[in-house]
N, C-alpha and C. Protein backbone atom coordinates (compact mmCIF):
# COMPACT_ATOMS: atom_id res chain seq x y z
N GLN A 1 134.08 141.34 82.65
CA GLN A 1 132.24 141.05 82.03
C GLN A 1 132.24 142.69 81.78
N VAL A 2 131.50 142.62 81.00
CA VAL A 2 131.07 144.33 80.88
C VAL A 2 130.19 144.40 81.75
N GLN A 3 129.74 145.36 82.23
CA GLN A 3 128.70 146.68 82.73
C GLN A 3 128.15 147.89 82.55
N LEU A 4 127.69 147.34 82.31
CA LEU A 4 127.19 149.90 82.14
C LEU A 4 125.94 149.90 82.90
N VAL A 5 126.27 150.84 84.23
CA VAL A 5 124.60 150.60 85.24
C VAL A 5 124.82 152.31 85.58
N GLU A 6 123.17 151.85 84.53
CA GLU A 6 122.89 153.46 84.90
C GLU A 6 122.47 154.11 85.82
N SER A 7 121.79 155.08 86.59
CA SER A 7 121.44 155.51 88.29
C SER A 7 121.08 156.35 88.08
N GLY A 8 120.09 157.33 88.42
CA GLY A 8 119.99 158.46 88.60
C GLY A 8 118.33 159.36 88.14
N GLY A 9 117.89 158.31 87.25
CA GLY A 9 116.71 158.42 86.50
C GLY A 9 115.28 158.61 88.51
N GLY A 10 114.60 158.74 87.52
CA GLY A 10 113.34 158.63 88.67
C GLY A 10 112.34 159.86 88.01
N LEU A 11 111.25 160.27 89.30
CA LEU A 11 109.93 161.44 89.41
C LEU A 11 110.44 163.07 89.16
N VAL A 12 110.57 163.97 88.36
CA VAL A 12 110.44 165.10 88.88
C VAL A 12 109.52 166.01 87.60
N GLN A 13 108.95 166.76 88.03
CA GLN A 13 108.04 167.92 87.71
C GLN A 13 108.84 168.86 86.62
N PRO A 14 107.84 168.83 85.09
CA PRO A 14 108.27 169.70 84.63
C PRO A 14 108.83 170.37 84.89
N GLY A 15 109.72 171.59 84.42
CA GLY A 15 110.90 172.36 84.37
C GLY A 15 112.52 171.78 85.72
N GLY A 16 111.66 170.45 86.08
CA GLY A 16 113.02 170.33 86.94
C GLY A 16 114.25 169.56 85.85
N SER A 17 114.90 168.69 87.26
CA SER A 17 116.12 168.64 86.88
C SER A 17 116.54 166.77 87.46
N LEU A 18 117.51 166.94 86.40
CA LEU A 18 117.65 165.45 87.13
C LEU A 18 119.57 165.18 86.45
N ARG A 19 119.75 164.53 87.38
CA ARG A 19 121.74 163.54 86.07
C ARG A 19 121.10 162.49 86.32
N LEU A 20 121.47 161.35 85.31
CA LEU A 20 122.07 160.36 85.45
C LEU A 20 123.17 159.76 85.21
N PHE A 21 123.95 158.49 85.02
CA PHE A 21 125.06 158.51 85.99
C PHE A 21 125.34 156.88 84.98
N CYS A 22 126.28 156.53 84.69
CA CYS A 22 126.05 155.96 84.05
C CYS A 22 127.84 154.66 84.48
N ALA A 23 128.12 154.01 84.98
CA ALA A 23 129.63 153.73 85.09
C ALA A 23 129.91 152.34 85.40
N ALA A 24 130.86 152.16 84.34
CA ALA A 24 130.99 151.28 83.35
C ALA A 24 132.30 150.58 83.85
N SER A 25 132.62 149.36 83.28
CA SER A 25 133.37 148.81 84.01
C SER A 25 133.61 147.44 82.59
N GLY A 26 133.80 146.87 83.15
CA GLY A 26 135.15 145.95 82.05
C GLY A 26 135.39 146.10 80.36
N PHE A 27 135.46 147.11 80.46
CA PHE A 27 135.96 147.27 78.84
C PHE A 27 137.35 148.74 79.45
N ILE A 28 137.90 149.28 77.82
CA ILE A 28 138.73 150.22 77.84
C ILE A 28 137.94 151.60 77.21
N PHE A 29 137.14 151.95 78.78
CA PHE A 29 136.40 153.32 78.86
C PHE A 29 136.59 153.99 78.30
N SER A 30 137.83 155.06 78.03
CA SER A 30 138.80 156.00 77.51
C SER A 30 138.86 155.90 75.93
N ARG A 31 138.67 154.97 75.53
CA ARG A 31 138.54 154.02 74.67
C ARG A 31 137.99 153.97 73.58
N SER A 32 136.87 154.33 74.44
CA SER A 32 135.19 154.79 73.94
C SER A 32 134.37 155.64 74.03
N ALA A 33 133.62 156.15 72.79
CA ALA A 33 132.36 157.01 72.76
C ALA A 33 131.23 156.65 73.53
N MET A 34 130.99 157.61 74.64
CA MET A 34 129.70 157.31 75.30
C MET A 34 128.51 157.36 74.62
N SER A 35 127.32 157.16 74.87
CA SER A 35 126.02 157.89 74.11
C SER A 35 124.81 157.46 75.63
N TRP A 36 124.48 158.87 75.23
CA TRP A 36 122.99 158.11 76.35
C TRP A 36 121.69 158.25 74.77
N TYR A 37 120.63 156.86 75.00
CA TYR A 37 119.54 156.19 74.39
C TYR A 37 118.63 156.94 75.25
N ARG A 38 116.94 157.76 74.70
CA ARG A 38 115.99 157.17 75.06
C ARG A 38 114.94 156.13 74.64
N GLN A 39 113.89 155.97 75.37
CA GLN A 39 113.21 155.51 73.84
C GLN A 39 111.59 155.62 75.19
N ALA A 40 110.98 156.09 74.33
CA ALA A 40 109.72 155.68 75.47
C ALA A 40 108.62 155.56 74.85
N PRO A 41 107.23 154.80 75.30
CA PRO A 41 106.51 153.93 75.72
C PRO A 41 105.82 154.23 73.70
N GLY A 42 105.85 153.30 73.39
CA GLY A 42 105.52 153.31 71.38
C GLY A 42 106.55 153.79 70.55
N LYS A 43 107.61 154.29 71.13
CA LYS A 43 108.11 154.95 70.31
C LYS A 43 109.72 153.98 70.17
N GLU A 44 110.52 154.26 68.91
CA GLU A 44 111.66 154.36 68.88
C GLU A 44 112.72 154.45 69.22
N ARG A 45 113.93 153.33 70.25
CA ARG A 45 115.29 154.68 70.58
C ARG A 45 115.85 155.43 69.72
N GLU A 46 115.63 156.40 70.55
CA GLU A 46 116.19 156.85 70.06
C GLU A 46 117.84 157.99 70.92
N LEU A 47 118.32 158.53 69.42
CA LEU A 47 119.66 158.99 70.62
C LEU A 47 119.36 160.10 70.88
N VAL A 48 120.24 160.51 72.32
CA VAL A 48 120.14 161.98 73.13
C VAL A 48 121.73 162.92 73.48
N ALA A 49 122.74 161.91 72.79
CA ALA A 49 123.41 162.96 73.13
C ALA A 49 125.04 161.84 73.04
N ARG A 50 125.52 162.34 72.48
CA ARG A 50 126.71 161.25 72.75
C ARG A 50 128.58 162.27 73.09
N ILE A 51 129.53 161.36 73.34
CA ILE A 51 130.66 162.21 73.40
C ILE A 51 131.32 161.34 73.55
N SER A 52 132.72 161.69 73.13
CA SER A 52 133.67 161.71 72.47
C SER A 52 134.32 160.46 73.65
N ASN A 53 135.04 159.63 73.11
CA ASN A 53 136.24 159.27 74.30
C ASN A 53 137.14 160.41 75.08
N GLY A 54 137.53 161.51 74.46
CA GLY A 54 138.37 161.99 74.62
C GLY A 54 137.33 163.09 76.26
N GLY A 55 136.44 163.32 75.81
CA GLY A 55 135.02 164.24 76.15
C GLY A 55 135.05 165.58 75.16
N GLY A 56 136.21 165.88 74.05
CA GLY A 56 135.73 167.13 73.88
C GLY A 56 134.61 167.67 72.41
N ALA A 57 134.42 166.21 72.64
CA ALA A 57 133.75 166.35 71.26
C ALA A 57 132.12 165.58 71.35
N THR A 58 130.54 166.43 71.16
CA THR A 58 129.55 165.86 72.13
C THR A 58 128.36 166.68 71.50
N THR A 59 127.68 166.13 70.57
CA THR A 59 126.73 166.11 70.07
C THR A 59 125.50 165.47 70.75
N TYR A 60 123.84 166.07 70.08
CA TYR A 60 122.97 166.40 70.93
C TYR A 60 122.18 166.68 70.06
N VAL A 61 120.89 165.76 70.63
CA VAL A 61 119.74 165.50 69.34
C VAL A 61 119.15 167.53 69.19
N ASP A 62 118.25 167.45 68.50
CA ASP A 62 118.02 168.68 68.41
C ASP A 62 117.40 169.35 69.98
N SER A 63 116.23 168.47 70.57
CA SER A 63 115.42 168.28 71.00
C SER A 63 115.50 168.34 72.80
N VAL A 64 116.43 168.31 73.06
CA VAL A 64 117.77 168.25 74.25
C VAL A 64 119.05 169.93 74.31
N LYS A 65 119.10 170.99 72.75
CA LYS A 65 119.58 170.82 72.95
C LYS A 65 119.75 172.23 73.48
N GLY A 66 120.67 172.99 74.47
CA GLY A 66 120.61 174.28 76.26
C GLY A 66 119.94 173.56 76.69
N ARG A 67 119.57 171.99 77.66
CA ARG A 67 118.90 171.60 78.01
C ARG A 67 119.48 170.91 78.94
N PHE A 68 120.04 170.32 77.53
CA PHE A 68 121.12 168.80 78.56
C PHE A 68 122.54 168.94 77.34
N THR A 69 123.40 168.53 79.03
CA THR A 69 124.27 168.05 78.79
C THR A 69 125.01 166.62 79.29
N ILE A 70 126.10 166.39 78.12
CA ILE A 70 126.94 165.32 78.62
C ILE A 70 128.00 165.11 78.93
N SER A 71 128.71 164.68 80.03
CA SER A 71 130.04 164.55 80.09
C SER A 71 130.73 163.39 80.95
N ARG A 72 132.50 162.66 81.12
CA ARG A 72 132.60 162.20 81.17
C ARG A 72 133.95 162.36 82.24
N ASP A 73 133.85 161.80 83.12
CA ASP A 73 135.34 161.77 83.80
C ASP A 73 136.39 159.75 83.74
N ASN A 74 136.91 159.66 82.97
CA ASN A 74 136.91 158.85 83.17
C ASN A 74 138.59 158.27 83.55
N ALA A 75 139.35 159.15 84.54
CA ALA A 75 139.28 157.83 85.88
C ALA A 75 138.39 157.61 86.61
N LYS A 76 137.24 157.84 85.75
CA LYS A 76 135.77 157.28 87.09
C LYS A 76 135.12 156.17 86.64
N ASN A 77 135.75 156.54 84.89
CA ASN A 77 134.77 155.61 84.21
C ASN A 77 133.56 155.66 84.14
N THR A 78 133.05 157.24 84.98
CA THR A 78 131.29 157.63 84.45
C THR A 78 131.50 157.85 83.10
N VAL A 79 130.00 158.14 83.01
CA VAL A 79 129.93 159.21 82.30
C VAL A 79 127.96 159.56 82.81
N TYR A 80 127.93 160.91 82.46
CA TYR A 80 127.08 161.72 83.21
C TYR A 80 126.18 162.21 81.47
N LEU A 81 124.76 162.50 82.44
CA LEU A 81 123.35 163.65 81.85
C LEU A 81 122.86 164.49 82.47
N GLN A 82 123.44 165.70 82.47
CA GLN A 82 122.66 166.42 83.25
C GLN A 82 121.21 167.01 82.85
N MET A 83 119.80 166.83 83.01
CA MET A 83 119.39 167.03 82.42
C MET A 83 118.52 168.38 83.32
N SER A 84 118.07 169.39 82.54
CA SER A 84 117.94 170.24 82.94
C SER A 84 116.01 170.89 82.34
N SER A 85 115.76 171.72 82.63
CA SER A 85 113.98 172.67 81.95
C SER A 85 113.48 170.88 81.30
N LEU A 86 113.60 170.41 82.13
CA LEU A 86 112.46 168.90 82.10
C LEU A 86 111.75 169.49 81.57
N LYS A 87 110.70 168.40 80.28
CA LYS A 87 109.28 168.22 79.26
C LYS A 87 108.93 166.95 79.66
N PRO A 88 107.91 166.93 80.03
CA PRO A 88 106.74 165.99 79.62
C PRO A 88 107.63 164.48 78.42
N GLU A 89 107.37 165.34 77.71
CA GLU A 89 107.89 164.59 76.51
C GLU A 89 109.81 164.12 76.34
N ASP A 90 109.89 163.88 77.60
CA ASP A 90 111.57 163.74 78.15
C ASP A 90 111.70 162.38 78.24
N THR A 91 109.90 162.03 79.45
CA THR A 91 109.83 160.47 79.63
C THR A 91 109.93 159.44 78.89
N GLY A 92 110.92 158.95 79.52
CA GLY A 92 111.53 157.84 79.31
C GLY A 92 112.06 156.50 79.16
N MET A 93 112.86 155.32 79.28
CA MET A 93 113.70 154.41 79.47
C MET A 93 115.58 155.42 79.29
N TYR A 94 116.16 155.54 80.12
CA TYR A 94 117.77 156.55 79.37
C TYR A 94 118.39 154.82 79.67
N TYR A 95 119.51 155.02 78.24
CA TYR A 95 119.67 153.63 78.10
C TYR A 95 121.57 154.26 77.71
N CYS A 96 122.56 153.95 78.83
CA CYS A 96 124.05 154.08 77.66
C CYS A 96 124.45 153.74 77.51
N TYR A 97 125.30 154.02 76.71
CA TYR A 97 125.88 153.13 74.92
C TYR A 97 127.90 153.27 75.39
N ALA A 98 128.67 151.92 75.18
CA ALA A 98 128.98 152.38 74.91
C ALA A 98 129.35 152.58 72.92
N ARG A 99 130.78 152.93 72.83
CA ARG A 99 131.06 151.81 71.20
C ARG A 99 132.98 152.33 71.53
N ASN A 100 133.51 150.64 71.41
CA ASN A 100 135.38 151.61 71.41
C ASN A 100 136.25 151.41 70.17
N GLN A 101 136.41 152.53 69.92
CA GLN A 101 136.39 152.76 68.78
C GLN A 101 137.71 152.13 68.55
N ASP A 102 138.57 151.04 69.03
CA ASP A 102 139.05 150.02 68.71
C ASP A 102 138.61 148.77 68.02
N THR A 103 137.65 147.82 68.72
CA THR A 103 137.52 146.99 68.81
C THR A 103 136.01 146.75 67.74
N LEU A 104 135.36 148.18 67.98
CA LEU A 104 134.11 148.63 67.13
C LEU A 104 133.01 147.84 67.93
N LEU A 105 133.89 147.25 69.93
CA LEU A 105 132.54 146.06 70.16
C LEU A 105 131.94 147.77 70.71
N THR A 106 130.35 147.22 70.97
CA THR A 106 129.50 148.28 71.41
C THR A 106 128.98 147.50 73.26
N TYR A 107 127.65 148.04 73.89
CA TYR A 107 127.49 147.76 74.82
C TYR A 107 126.06 148.49 75.32
N TRP A 108 125.53 147.83 75.04
CA TRP A 108 124.62 148.57 76.28
C TRP A 108 123.75 148.49 77.75
N GLY A 109 123.66 149.48 78.32
CA GLY A 109 123.15 149.48 79.96
C GLY A 109 121.58 148.83 80.15
N GLN A 110 121.24 148.82 81.08
CA GLN A 110 119.64 147.83 81.31
C GLN A 110 119.33 149.26 81.39
N GLY A 111 119.42 150.25 81.85
CA GLY A 111 118.08 151.75 81.51
C GLY A 111 118.05 151.70 82.63
N THR A 112 117.65 153.70 82.64
CA THR A 112 116.96 153.45 84.13
C THR A 112 115.50 154.30 83.90
N GLN A 113 115.08 154.21 84.45
CA GLN A 113 113.41 154.71 84.21
C GLN A 113 113.59 156.78 84.51
N VAL A 114 113.17 157.68 83.43
CA VAL A 114 113.02 159.14 83.79
C VAL A 114 111.38 159.72 83.38
N THR A 115 111.35 160.15 84.30
CA THR A 115 109.43 160.63 84.06
C THR A 115 109.11 162.12 84.24
N VAL A 116 108.85 163.18 83.85
CA VAL A 116 108.88 163.57 83.77
C VAL A 116 106.93 163.86 83.71
N SER A 117 106.54 163.89 84.86
CA SER A 117 104.82 164.96 84.99
C SER A 117 104.07 165.71 86.33
N SER A 118 103.37 165.57 86.36
CA SER A 118 102.67 167.05 87.83
C SER A 118 101.78 166.15 87.77
């Protein structure tokens, strides 16, 4: 059974930091590119960051460059999103996404809520 379980979200003040975790199971994690998406109320889901299966390549949406860092530990089947200098516009539900590069199968987690507010 495929599972992507996100954690680490919460309420933080502007300028603060959070680290999101996504624990994966049920598929070959090391053969899958991993991504974080977010969706704010009333808005479409958007890609925040992506990391290649080996971790050597990363991409970010312009609005988070220099503030967020995506990383992964293939030994622990876990992907992380370190978020710093958080802004109210970073508020939303953050989802973990996996895409296996061999089978092209994709998986979504259930999401973890991030709220940036004073």
